[in-house]
Amino acid sequence: MEKRWSVLEVLRHSRHDWLNKIQLIKGNLALNKVERVNEIIEEIVRDMQHESKLTNLKADRFAELLLTYNWKARNVTVSYEVLGDGGDLSAHDEELTKWCCALFNMLEQQADMNRENHLDVSIETADGEVRLFFDYCGTIKDANELAAWLERHQPESSIRFDHFSIHNDEMTVLINIHL
C-alpha cells in the first residue's frame, strides 16, 4: 500500500499546490492575460468539483491514493475525474485501493522516466454501478508482460474486470463495481 500521509504533510503539499495556482494566476494577471486567468480559475473549480465527488464516494483510501499520488516524484502522473451523482464505495475501498496500487506500480515499471507518461482515471457512477476507466498514454516497455500482469491480477469478487486493450504507447482498462 501507499504511504500514509500525516496531517502536517498533507497541509504542506496542499499549501504548495495552492501557492502554485495562485502564482500562475498572478503571473497571467501581470501579463494582462485576463482570459487565461479565467481559464485557470475554471480549471481550479472543475478540479475541486471532481475532488468533492471523489471524497463523497466514501472510499477514503482510494480517494487518498488519487489525491496524493502525484506528491511524490514518479514516472507516471495520474489525473482523475468523477462523472455522475456518486455512490457508496466504502465496501469496496480496500480491494479497489489494493488493485489500483498494484496497477500503478506495474505502470511505473513499464514507464520510461525520460518520457511523459500519464494515466487518466475516469470514475462514472450510474444506476447502482460504478465504472472505472483507466486510460494510460506513455511508454510501455513490454506490452506482453503488461497484458500477462493484467490477466493474473484481475480484481477480486466485488469488482468485475470488463476488458483491457494495450497498444504501442497506450493502454485502456475498464472495471465495474456493482453497488
N, C-alpha and C. Protein backbone atom coordinates (compact mmCIF):
# COMPACT_ATOMS: atom_id res chain seq x y z
N MET A 1 0.83 -1.18 0.00
CA MET A 1 0.00 0.00 0.00
C MET A 1 0.89 1.25 0.00
N GLU A 2 0.27 2.34 -0.31
CA GLU A 2 0.98 3.61 -0.38
C GLU A 2 1.25 4.17 1.01
N LYS A 3 2.14 5.12 1.06
CA LYS A 3 2.48 5.82 2.31
C LYS A 3 1.25 6.51 2.89
N ARG A 4 1.12 6.45 4.21
CA ARG A 4 0.07 7.20 4.91
C ARG A 4 0.65 8.57 5.26
N TRP A 5 -0.01 9.63 4.79
CA TRP A 5 0.47 10.99 4.99
C TRP A 5 0.01 11.50 6.35
N SER A 6 0.89 12.21 7.05
CA SER A 6 0.49 12.86 8.29
C SER A 6 -0.30 14.12 7.94
N VAL A 7 -1.00 14.65 8.91
CA VAL A 7 -1.78 15.87 8.69
C VAL A 7 -0.88 17.01 8.24
N LEU A 8 0.28 17.14 8.87
CA LEU A 8 1.20 18.22 8.50
C LEU A 8 1.73 18.05 7.08
N GLU A 9 2.02 16.83 6.68
CA GLU A 9 2.48 16.59 5.31
C GLU A 9 1.39 16.95 4.30
N VAL A 10 0.16 16.57 4.60
CA VAL A 10 -0.96 16.89 3.71
C VAL A 10 -1.12 18.41 3.60
N LEU A 11 -1.08 19.10 4.73
CA LEU A 11 -1.20 20.55 4.70
C LEU A 11 -0.06 21.19 3.91
N ARG A 12 1.15 20.68 4.08
CA ARG A 12 2.31 21.21 3.37
C ARG A 12 2.14 21.05 1.85
N HIS A 13 1.75 19.86 1.42
CA HIS A 13 1.57 19.61 -0.01
C HIS A 13 0.40 20.43 -0.57
N SER A 14 -0.68 20.49 0.17
CA SER A 14 -1.85 21.25 -0.27
C SER A 14 -1.50 22.73 -0.41
N ARG A 15 -0.81 23.25 0.59
CA ARG A 15 -0.39 24.66 0.55
C ARG A 15 0.50 24.91 -0.66
N HIS A 16 1.42 24.01 -0.94
CA HIS A 16 2.33 24.13 -2.08
C HIS A 16 1.53 24.16 -3.39
N ASP A 17 0.55 23.24 -3.51
CA ASP A 17 -0.29 23.20 -4.72
C ASP A 17 -1.06 24.51 -4.90
N TRP A 18 -1.64 25.02 -3.80
CA TRP A 18 -2.42 26.25 -3.90
C TRP A 18 -1.53 27.46 -4.21
N LEU A 19 -0.35 27.50 -3.63
CA LEU A 19 0.57 28.59 -3.94
C LEU A 19 0.97 28.58 -5.41
N ASN A 20 1.18 27.39 -5.96
CA ASN A 20 1.49 27.29 -7.40
C ASN A 20 0.34 27.84 -8.25
N LYS A 21 -0.88 27.52 -7.87
CA LYS A 21 -2.04 28.00 -8.62
C LYS A 21 -2.17 29.53 -8.52
N ILE A 22 -1.95 30.04 -7.33
CA ILE A 22 -2.03 31.49 -7.13
C ILE A 22 -0.92 32.20 -7.92
N GLN A 23 0.29 31.63 -7.92
CA GLN A 23 1.39 32.22 -8.70
C GLN A 23 1.07 32.23 -10.19
N LEU A 24 0.43 31.18 -10.67
CA LEU A 24 0.03 31.11 -12.07
C LEU A 24 -0.98 32.20 -12.40
N ILE A 25 -1.93 32.41 -11.51
CA ILE A 25 -2.91 33.48 -11.70
C ILE A 25 -2.22 34.84 -11.66
N LYS A 26 -1.36 35.07 -10.66
CA LYS A 26 -0.66 36.35 -10.54
C LYS A 26 0.20 36.64 -11.77
N GLY A 27 0.91 35.62 -12.25
CA GLY A 27 1.76 35.81 -13.42
C GLY A 27 0.96 36.19 -14.65
N ASN A 28 -0.18 35.55 -14.85
CA ASN A 28 -1.02 35.87 -16.00
C ASN A 28 -1.68 37.23 -15.85
N LEU A 29 -2.02 37.60 -14.62
CA LEU A 29 -2.57 38.95 -14.40
C LEU A 29 -1.50 40.00 -14.70
N ALA A 30 -0.26 39.74 -14.29
CA ALA A 30 0.83 40.69 -14.55
C ALA A 30 1.04 40.87 -16.05
N LEU A 31 0.78 39.82 -16.82
CA LEU A 31 0.92 39.89 -18.28
C LEU A 31 -0.38 40.37 -18.94
N ASN A 32 -1.36 40.72 -18.10
CA ASN A 32 -2.67 41.19 -18.56
C ASN A 32 -3.39 40.14 -19.42
N LYS A 33 -3.21 38.87 -19.08
CA LYS A 33 -3.87 37.77 -19.78
C LYS A 33 -5.10 37.34 -18.98
N VAL A 34 -6.08 38.23 -18.96
CA VAL A 34 -7.28 38.01 -18.16
C VAL A 34 -8.04 36.77 -18.61
N GLU A 35 -8.09 36.55 -19.91
CA GLU A 35 -8.79 35.36 -20.41
C GLU A 35 -8.14 34.08 -19.87
N ARG A 36 -6.81 34.05 -19.85
CA ARG A 36 -6.10 32.87 -19.32
C ARG A 36 -6.35 32.72 -17.82
N VAL A 37 -6.43 33.83 -17.10
CA VAL A 37 -6.74 33.79 -15.67
C VAL A 37 -8.11 33.16 -15.46
N ASN A 38 -9.09 33.56 -16.26
CA ASN A 38 -10.42 32.97 -16.15
C ASN A 38 -10.40 31.48 -16.45
N GLU A 39 -9.61 31.06 -17.43
CA GLU A 39 -9.47 29.63 -17.74
C GLU A 39 -8.88 28.86 -16.56
N ILE A 40 -7.85 29.44 -15.95
CA ILE A 40 -7.21 28.79 -14.80
C ILE A 40 -8.19 28.65 -13.65
N ILE A 41 -8.96 29.70 -13.40
CA ILE A 41 -9.95 29.64 -12.32
C ILE A 41 -11.02 28.59 -12.63
N GLU A 42 -11.46 28.51 -13.87
CA GLU A 42 -12.43 27.47 -14.26
C GLU A 42 -11.84 26.08 -14.07
N GLU A 43 -10.55 25.89 -14.40
CA GLU A 43 -9.89 24.60 -14.19
C GLU A 43 -9.84 24.26 -12.70
N ILE A 44 -9.54 25.24 -11.87
CA ILE A 44 -9.48 25.02 -10.43
C ILE A 44 -10.86 24.61 -9.90
N VAL A 45 -11.90 25.32 -10.33
CA VAL A 45 -13.26 24.99 -9.89
C VAL A 45 -13.63 23.58 -10.33
N ARG A 46 -13.33 23.23 -11.59
CA ARG A 46 -13.63 21.88 -12.09
C ARG A 46 -12.88 20.82 -11.29
N ASP A 47 -11.60 21.07 -11.02
CA ASP A 47 -10.81 20.12 -10.23
C ASP A 47 -11.39 19.95 -8.83
N MET A 48 -11.81 21.05 -8.21
CA MET A 48 -12.38 20.97 -6.86
C MET A 48 -13.71 20.22 -6.87
N GLN A 49 -14.49 20.37 -7.93
CA GLN A 49 -15.75 19.62 -8.04
C GLN A 49 -15.47 18.12 -8.13
N HIS A 50 -14.46 17.74 -8.94
CA HIS A 50 -14.10 16.33 -9.04
C HIS A 50 -13.56 15.81 -7.71
N GLU A 51 -12.77 16.62 -7.03
CA GLU A 51 -12.24 16.22 -5.73
C GLU A 51 -13.38 16.00 -4.73
N SER A 52 -14.36 16.89 -4.75
CA SER A 52 -15.50 16.75 -3.86
C SER A 52 -16.28 15.47 -4.17
N LYS A 53 -16.52 15.21 -5.45
CA LYS A 53 -17.23 13.98 -5.83
C LYS A 53 -16.44 12.73 -5.45
N LEU A 54 -15.11 12.80 -5.60
CA LEU A 54 -14.26 11.66 -5.24
C LEU A 54 -14.38 11.36 -3.76
N THR A 55 -14.27 12.37 -2.92
CA THR A 55 -14.35 12.13 -1.48
C THR A 55 -15.75 11.72 -1.04
N ASN A 56 -16.77 12.10 -1.80
CA ASN A 56 -18.14 11.71 -1.47
C ASN A 56 -18.46 10.26 -1.84
N LEU A 57 -17.54 9.57 -2.52
CA LEU A 57 -17.74 8.16 -2.85
C LEU A 57 -17.55 7.26 -1.63
N LYS A 58 -17.08 7.83 -0.54
CA LYS A 58 -16.90 7.12 0.74
C LYS A 58 -15.87 5.98 0.64
N ALA A 59 -14.91 6.14 -0.26
CA ALA A 59 -13.79 5.20 -0.38
C ALA A 59 -12.54 5.99 -0.01
N ASP A 60 -12.32 6.13 1.29
CA ASP A 60 -11.29 7.03 1.79
C ASP A 60 -9.88 6.69 1.32
N ARG A 61 -9.51 5.42 1.38
CA ARG A 61 -8.16 5.03 0.96
C ARG A 61 -7.98 5.24 -0.55
N PHE A 62 -8.99 4.91 -1.31
CA PHE A 62 -8.93 5.10 -2.77
C PHE A 62 -8.81 6.59 -3.10
N ALA A 63 -9.61 7.42 -2.44
CA ALA A 63 -9.55 8.86 -2.65
C ALA A 63 -8.17 9.39 -2.25
N GLU A 64 -7.65 8.93 -1.13
CA GLU A 64 -6.33 9.36 -0.68
C GLU A 64 -5.27 8.99 -1.72
N LEU A 65 -5.36 7.80 -2.29
CA LEU A 65 -4.41 7.37 -3.31
C LEU A 65 -4.41 8.33 -4.49
N LEU A 66 -5.59 8.64 -5.00
CA LEU A 66 -5.67 9.53 -6.17
C LEU A 66 -5.28 10.96 -5.84
N LEU A 67 -5.67 11.44 -4.67
CA LEU A 67 -5.39 12.83 -4.30
C LEU A 67 -3.91 13.08 -4.03
N THR A 68 -3.20 12.06 -3.56
CA THR A 68 -1.80 12.27 -3.15
C THR A 68 -0.79 11.63 -4.09
N TYR A 69 -1.22 10.91 -5.09
CA TYR A 69 -0.29 10.13 -5.93
C TYR A 69 0.82 10.99 -6.53
N ASN A 70 0.49 12.14 -7.03
CA ASN A 70 1.48 12.98 -7.72
C ASN A 70 2.36 13.78 -6.76
N TRP A 71 2.20 13.61 -5.47
CA TRP A 71 3.00 14.34 -4.50
C TRP A 71 4.41 13.78 -4.39
N LYS A 72 4.63 12.59 -4.91
CA LYS A 72 5.97 12.00 -4.93
C LYS A 72 6.47 12.02 -6.37
N ALA A 73 7.78 12.09 -6.54
CA ALA A 73 8.37 12.03 -7.88
C ALA A 73 8.13 10.63 -8.45
N ARG A 74 7.52 10.57 -9.62
CA ARG A 74 7.15 9.29 -10.22
C ARG A 74 7.37 9.34 -11.72
N ASN A 75 7.38 8.15 -12.32
CA ASN A 75 7.49 8.04 -13.78
C ASN A 75 6.15 8.29 -14.47
N VAL A 76 5.05 8.16 -13.74
CA VAL A 76 3.70 8.31 -14.29
C VAL A 76 2.96 9.34 -13.45
N THR A 77 2.28 10.27 -14.12
CA THR A 77 1.39 11.18 -13.41
C THR A 77 -0.04 10.65 -13.55
N VAL A 78 -0.86 10.94 -12.56
CA VAL A 78 -2.23 10.44 -12.53
C VAL A 78 -3.18 11.62 -12.38
N SER A 79 -4.24 11.61 -13.19
CA SER A 79 -5.32 12.57 -13.01
C SER A 79 -6.62 11.77 -12.95
N TYR A 80 -7.67 12.41 -12.48
CA TYR A 80 -8.94 11.70 -12.35
C TYR A 80 -10.09 12.66 -12.57
N GLU A 81 -11.24 12.08 -12.88
CA GLU A 81 -12.49 12.82 -12.93
C GLU A 81 -13.58 11.90 -12.44
N VAL A 82 -14.61 12.47 -11.85
CA VAL A 82 -15.74 11.70 -11.35
C VAL A 82 -16.98 12.23 -12.05
N LEU A 83 -17.65 11.34 -12.76
CA LEU A 83 -18.84 11.69 -13.52
C LEU A 83 -20.05 11.01 -12.89
N GLY A 84 -21.13 11.70 -12.81
CA GLY A 84 -22.35 11.12 -12.23
C GLY A 84 -22.62 11.66 -10.84
N ASP A 85 -23.65 11.09 -10.23
CA ASP A 85 -24.15 11.60 -8.96
C ASP A 85 -23.51 10.97 -7.74
N GLY A 86 -22.67 9.97 -7.90
CA GLY A 86 -21.99 9.38 -6.75
C GLY A 86 -22.58 8.05 -6.35
N GLY A 87 -22.01 7.51 -5.33
CA GLY A 87 -22.41 6.23 -4.79
C GLY A 87 -21.57 5.94 -3.56
N ASP A 88 -21.81 4.81 -2.94
CA ASP A 88 -21.10 4.43 -1.73
C ASP A 88 -20.17 3.27 -2.05
N LEU A 89 -18.87 3.57 -2.14
CA LEU A 89 -17.86 2.55 -2.44
C LEU A 89 -17.16 2.04 -1.18
N SER A 90 -17.67 2.38 -0.01
CA SER A 90 -16.97 2.03 1.23
C SER A 90 -16.72 0.53 1.35
N ALA A 91 -17.64 -0.30 0.89
CA ALA A 91 -17.46 -1.75 0.98
C ALA A 91 -16.38 -2.27 0.03
N HIS A 92 -16.00 -1.48 -0.94
CA HIS A 92 -15.02 -1.90 -1.95
C HIS A 92 -13.70 -1.15 -1.83
N ASP A 93 -13.59 -0.28 -0.84
CA ASP A 93 -12.44 0.62 -0.72
C ASP A 93 -11.12 -0.14 -0.65
N GLU A 94 -11.01 -1.09 0.24
CA GLU A 94 -9.74 -1.79 0.43
C GLU A 94 -9.32 -2.54 -0.83
N GLU A 95 -10.24 -3.30 -1.39
CA GLU A 95 -9.94 -4.08 -2.58
C GLU A 95 -9.58 -3.19 -3.77
N LEU A 96 -10.35 -2.13 -3.96
CA LEU A 96 -10.11 -1.21 -5.07
C LEU A 96 -8.75 -0.51 -4.91
N THR A 97 -8.45 -0.07 -3.72
CA THR A 97 -7.18 0.61 -3.46
C THR A 97 -6.01 -0.33 -3.68
N LYS A 98 -6.12 -1.53 -3.18
CA LYS A 98 -5.05 -2.53 -3.34
C LYS A 98 -4.81 -2.81 -4.82
N TRP A 99 -5.88 -3.01 -5.58
CA TRP A 99 -5.72 -3.31 -7.00
C TRP A 99 -5.13 -2.12 -7.76
N CYS A 100 -5.61 -0.91 -7.46
CA CYS A 100 -5.09 0.29 -8.13
C CYS A 100 -3.62 0.52 -7.80
N CYS A 101 -3.23 0.31 -6.55
CA CYS A 101 -1.82 0.46 -6.18
C CYS A 101 -0.96 -0.50 -6.99
N ALA A 102 -1.42 -1.73 -7.14
CA ALA A 102 -0.67 -2.72 -7.91
C ALA A 102 -0.59 -2.31 -9.38
N LEU A 103 -1.70 -1.83 -9.94
CA LEU A 103 -1.70 -1.36 -11.34
C LEU A 103 -0.75 -0.19 -11.51
N PHE A 104 -0.83 0.79 -10.62
CA PHE A 104 0.04 1.96 -10.71
C PHE A 104 1.51 1.56 -10.62
N ASN A 105 1.83 0.62 -9.73
CA ASN A 105 3.21 0.14 -9.59
C ASN A 105 3.67 -0.55 -10.87
N MET A 106 2.80 -1.33 -11.48
CA MET A 106 3.16 -2.00 -12.73
C MET A 106 3.41 -0.97 -13.83
N LEU A 107 2.58 0.05 -13.91
CA LEU A 107 2.78 1.09 -14.92
C LEU A 107 4.08 1.85 -14.67
N GLU A 108 4.42 2.08 -13.40
CA GLU A 108 5.69 2.73 -13.07
C GLU A 108 6.87 1.91 -13.59
N GLN A 109 6.77 0.60 -13.50
CA GLN A 109 7.84 -0.27 -14.00
C GLN A 109 7.92 -0.24 -15.52
N GLN A 110 6.78 -0.09 -16.17
CA GLN A 110 6.73 -0.08 -17.63
C GLN A 110 7.14 1.27 -18.23
N ALA A 111 7.03 2.32 -17.46
CA ALA A 111 7.25 3.68 -17.97
C ALA A 111 8.73 4.02 -18.08
N ASP A 112 9.04 4.77 -19.11
CA ASP A 112 10.39 5.30 -19.30
C ASP A 112 10.44 6.67 -18.63
N MET A 113 11.37 6.83 -17.68
CA MET A 113 11.43 8.08 -16.92
C MET A 113 11.82 9.28 -17.77
N ASN A 114 12.30 9.06 -18.98
CA ASN A 114 12.69 10.16 -19.87
C ASN A 114 11.57 10.60 -20.79
N ARG A 115 10.40 10.01 -20.63
CA ARG A 115 9.25 10.39 -21.45
C ARG A 115 8.10 10.79 -20.55
N GLU A 116 7.12 11.45 -21.15
CA GLU A 116 5.93 11.83 -20.40
C GLU A 116 4.97 10.64 -20.41
N ASN A 117 4.55 10.23 -19.23
CA ASN A 117 3.66 9.09 -19.07
C ASN A 117 2.51 9.53 -18.17
N HIS A 118 1.28 9.29 -18.63
CA HIS A 118 0.13 9.81 -17.90
C HIS A 118 -0.98 8.77 -17.85
N LEU A 119 -1.60 8.65 -16.69
CA LEU A 119 -2.77 7.79 -16.50
C LEU A 119 -3.94 8.66 -16.10
N ASP A 120 -5.02 8.58 -16.86
CA ASP A 120 -6.24 9.29 -16.53
C ASP A 120 -7.25 8.26 -16.03
N VAL A 121 -7.82 8.50 -14.86
CA VAL A 121 -8.81 7.60 -14.27
C VAL A 121 -10.16 8.31 -14.31
N SER A 122 -11.10 7.73 -15.04
CA SER A 122 -12.46 8.27 -15.09
C SER A 122 -13.35 7.35 -14.27
N ILE A 123 -14.08 7.94 -13.34
CA ILE A 123 -14.97 7.19 -12.46
C ILE A 123 -16.39 7.64 -12.79
N GLU A 124 -17.18 6.72 -13.29
CA GLU A 124 -18.54 7.05 -13.71
C GLU A 124 -19.53 6.29 -12.83
N THR A 125 -20.44 7.03 -12.21
CA THR A 125 -21.44 6.41 -11.35
C THR A 125 -22.82 6.58 -11.99
N ALA A 126 -23.53 5.45 -12.09
CA ALA A 126 -24.89 5.50 -12.65
C ALA A 126 -25.60 4.18 -12.39
N ASP A 127 -26.87 4.25 -12.07
CA ASP A 127 -27.74 3.07 -11.97
C ASP A 127 -27.17 1.96 -11.08
N GLY A 128 -26.69 2.31 -9.91
CA GLY A 128 -26.20 1.30 -8.97
C GLY A 128 -24.90 0.64 -9.39
N GLU A 129 -24.17 1.27 -10.27
CA GLU A 129 -22.91 0.70 -10.74
C GLU A 129 -21.87 1.80 -10.86
N VAL A 130 -20.63 1.45 -10.60
CA VAL A 130 -19.52 2.37 -10.79
C VAL A 130 -18.59 1.74 -11.82
N ARG A 131 -18.26 2.52 -12.83
CA ARG A 131 -17.33 2.06 -13.87
C ARG A 131 -16.06 2.89 -13.74
N LEU A 132 -14.94 2.21 -13.72
CA LEU A 132 -13.65 2.88 -13.67
C LEU A 132 -12.91 2.60 -14.97
N PHE A 133 -12.57 3.67 -15.65
CA PHE A 133 -11.89 3.58 -16.93
C PHE A 133 -10.48 4.14 -16.74
N PHE A 134 -9.48 3.32 -16.97
CA PHE A 134 -8.08 3.70 -16.84
C PHE A 134 -7.52 3.88 -18.23
N ASP A 135 -7.07 5.07 -18.55
CA ASP A 135 -6.55 5.39 -19.88
C ASP A 135 -5.10 5.86 -19.72
N TYR A 136 -4.16 5.01 -20.14
CA TYR A 136 -2.74 5.29 -19.99
C TYR A 136 -2.14 5.67 -21.33
N CYS A 137 -1.34 6.72 -21.33
CA CYS A 137 -0.62 7.14 -22.52
C CYS A 137 0.83 7.38 -22.12
N GLY A 138 1.73 6.62 -22.72
CA GLY A 138 3.14 6.74 -22.39
C GLY A 138 3.88 5.48 -22.78
N THR A 139 5.07 5.35 -22.26
CA THR A 139 5.91 4.21 -22.59
C THR A 139 5.33 2.92 -22.05
N ILE A 140 5.35 1.90 -22.87
CA ILE A 140 5.06 0.54 -22.42
C ILE A 140 6.24 -0.29 -22.89
N LYS A 141 7.13 -0.61 -21.97
CA LYS A 141 8.37 -1.31 -22.32
C LYS A 141 8.09 -2.71 -22.86
N ASP A 142 7.13 -3.41 -22.26
CA ASP A 142 6.83 -4.78 -22.66
C ASP A 142 5.32 -5.00 -22.57
N ALA A 143 4.65 -4.86 -23.71
CA ALA A 143 3.19 -4.99 -23.75
C ALA A 143 2.74 -6.39 -23.35
N ASN A 144 3.51 -7.41 -23.71
CA ASN A 144 3.15 -8.79 -23.35
C ASN A 144 3.20 -8.99 -21.85
N GLU A 145 4.23 -8.41 -21.21
CA GLU A 145 4.33 -8.51 -19.75
C GLU A 145 3.17 -7.78 -19.07
N LEU A 146 2.81 -6.62 -19.59
CA LEU A 146 1.69 -5.85 -19.02
C LEU A 146 0.38 -6.61 -19.19
N ALA A 147 0.15 -7.19 -20.37
CA ALA A 147 -1.07 -7.97 -20.62
C ALA A 147 -1.13 -9.18 -19.69
N ALA A 148 -0.01 -9.87 -19.55
CA ALA A 148 0.03 -11.04 -18.66
C ALA A 148 -0.25 -10.62 -17.22
N TRP A 149 0.30 -9.47 -16.81
CA TRP A 149 0.06 -8.98 -15.45
C TRP A 149 -1.44 -8.70 -15.26
N LEU A 150 -2.06 -8.05 -16.23
CA LEU A 150 -3.50 -7.75 -16.12
C LEU A 150 -4.33 -9.03 -16.05
N GLU A 151 -3.95 -10.04 -16.81
CA GLU A 151 -4.66 -11.32 -16.76
C GLU A 151 -4.53 -11.98 -15.39
N ARG A 152 -3.34 -11.89 -14.80
CA ARG A 152 -3.09 -12.53 -13.49
C ARG A 152 -3.66 -11.74 -12.33
N HIS A 153 -3.81 -10.44 -12.49
CA HIS A 153 -4.20 -9.58 -11.37
C HIS A 153 -5.58 -8.97 -11.56
N GLN A 154 -6.49 -9.77 -12.00
CA GLN A 154 -7.85 -9.25 -12.13
C GLN A 154 -8.40 -9.00 -10.73
N PRO A 155 -9.19 -7.95 -10.60
CA PRO A 155 -9.75 -7.64 -9.27
C PRO A 155 -10.55 -8.82 -8.73
N GLU A 156 -10.71 -8.83 -7.43
CA GLU A 156 -11.39 -9.93 -6.77
C GLU A 156 -12.91 -9.78 -6.85
N SER A 157 -13.59 -10.54 -6.09
CA SER A 157 -15.04 -10.78 -6.11
C SER A 157 -15.94 -9.61 -6.47
N SER A 158 -15.91 -8.55 -5.72
CA SER A 158 -16.91 -7.49 -5.90
C SER A 158 -16.62 -6.57 -7.08
N ILE A 159 -15.42 -6.64 -7.59
CA ILE A 159 -15.03 -5.77 -8.70
C ILE A 159 -14.92 -6.64 -9.95
N ARG A 160 -15.68 -6.29 -10.98
CA ARG A 160 -15.70 -7.10 -12.19
C ARG A 160 -14.79 -6.46 -13.24
N PHE A 161 -13.86 -7.25 -13.70
CA PHE A 161 -12.92 -6.84 -14.74
C PHE A 161 -13.65 -6.94 -16.07
N ASP A 162 -13.86 -5.83 -16.75
CA ASP A 162 -14.61 -5.84 -18.00
C ASP A 162 -13.70 -6.17 -19.18
N HIS A 163 -12.72 -5.32 -19.45
CA HIS A 163 -11.78 -5.61 -20.54
C HIS A 163 -10.56 -4.69 -20.44
N PHE A 164 -9.55 -5.04 -21.24
CA PHE A 164 -8.39 -4.16 -21.37
C PHE A 164 -7.89 -4.25 -22.79
N SER A 165 -7.16 -3.21 -23.19
CA SER A 165 -6.59 -3.13 -24.52
C SER A 165 -5.23 -2.46 -24.41
N ILE A 166 -4.23 -3.04 -25.05
CA ILE A 166 -2.88 -2.48 -25.00
C ILE A 166 -2.37 -2.31 -26.43
N HIS A 167 -1.87 -1.11 -26.70
CA HIS A 167 -1.25 -0.81 -27.99
C HIS A 167 0.15 -0.26 -27.73
N ASN A 168 0.83 0.22 -28.73
CA ASN A 168 2.23 0.63 -28.60
C ASN A 168 2.51 1.50 -27.38
N ASP A 169 1.88 2.64 -27.30
CA ASP A 169 2.14 3.56 -26.21
C ASP A 169 0.87 3.94 -25.46
N GLU A 170 -0.08 3.01 -25.42
CA GLU A 170 -1.32 3.30 -24.69
C GLU A 170 -1.97 2.03 -24.19
N MET A 171 -2.76 2.18 -23.16
CA MET A 171 -3.48 1.06 -22.57
C MET A 171 -4.80 1.59 -22.02
N THR A 172 -5.83 0.80 -22.15
CA THR A 172 -7.11 1.11 -21.50
C THR A 172 -7.57 -0.10 -20.72
N VAL A 173 -8.15 0.16 -19.58
CA VAL A 173 -8.70 -0.90 -18.73
C VAL A 173 -10.03 -0.41 -18.22
N LEU A 174 -11.03 -1.30 -18.21
CA LEU A 174 -12.34 -0.96 -17.69
C LEU A 174 -12.73 -1.98 -16.64
N ILE A 175 -13.11 -1.49 -15.45
CA ILE A 175 -13.65 -2.37 -14.42
C ILE A 175 -14.99 -1.82 -13.95
N ASN A 176 -15.85 -2.72 -13.49
CA ASN A 176 -17.19 -2.36 -12.99
C ASN A 176 -17.34 -2.81 -11.54
N ILE A 177 -18.04 -2.00 -10.79
CA ILE A 177 -18.37 -2.35 -9.40
C ILE A 177 -19.87 -2.20 -9.25
N HIS A 178 -20.54 -3.27 -8.86
CA HIS A 178 -21.98 -3.20 -8.59
C HIS A 178 -22.19 -2.81 -7.13
N LEU A 179 -22.99 -1.77 -6.92
CA LEU A 179 -23.23 -1.28 -5.56
C LEU A 179 -24.37 -2.01 -4.90
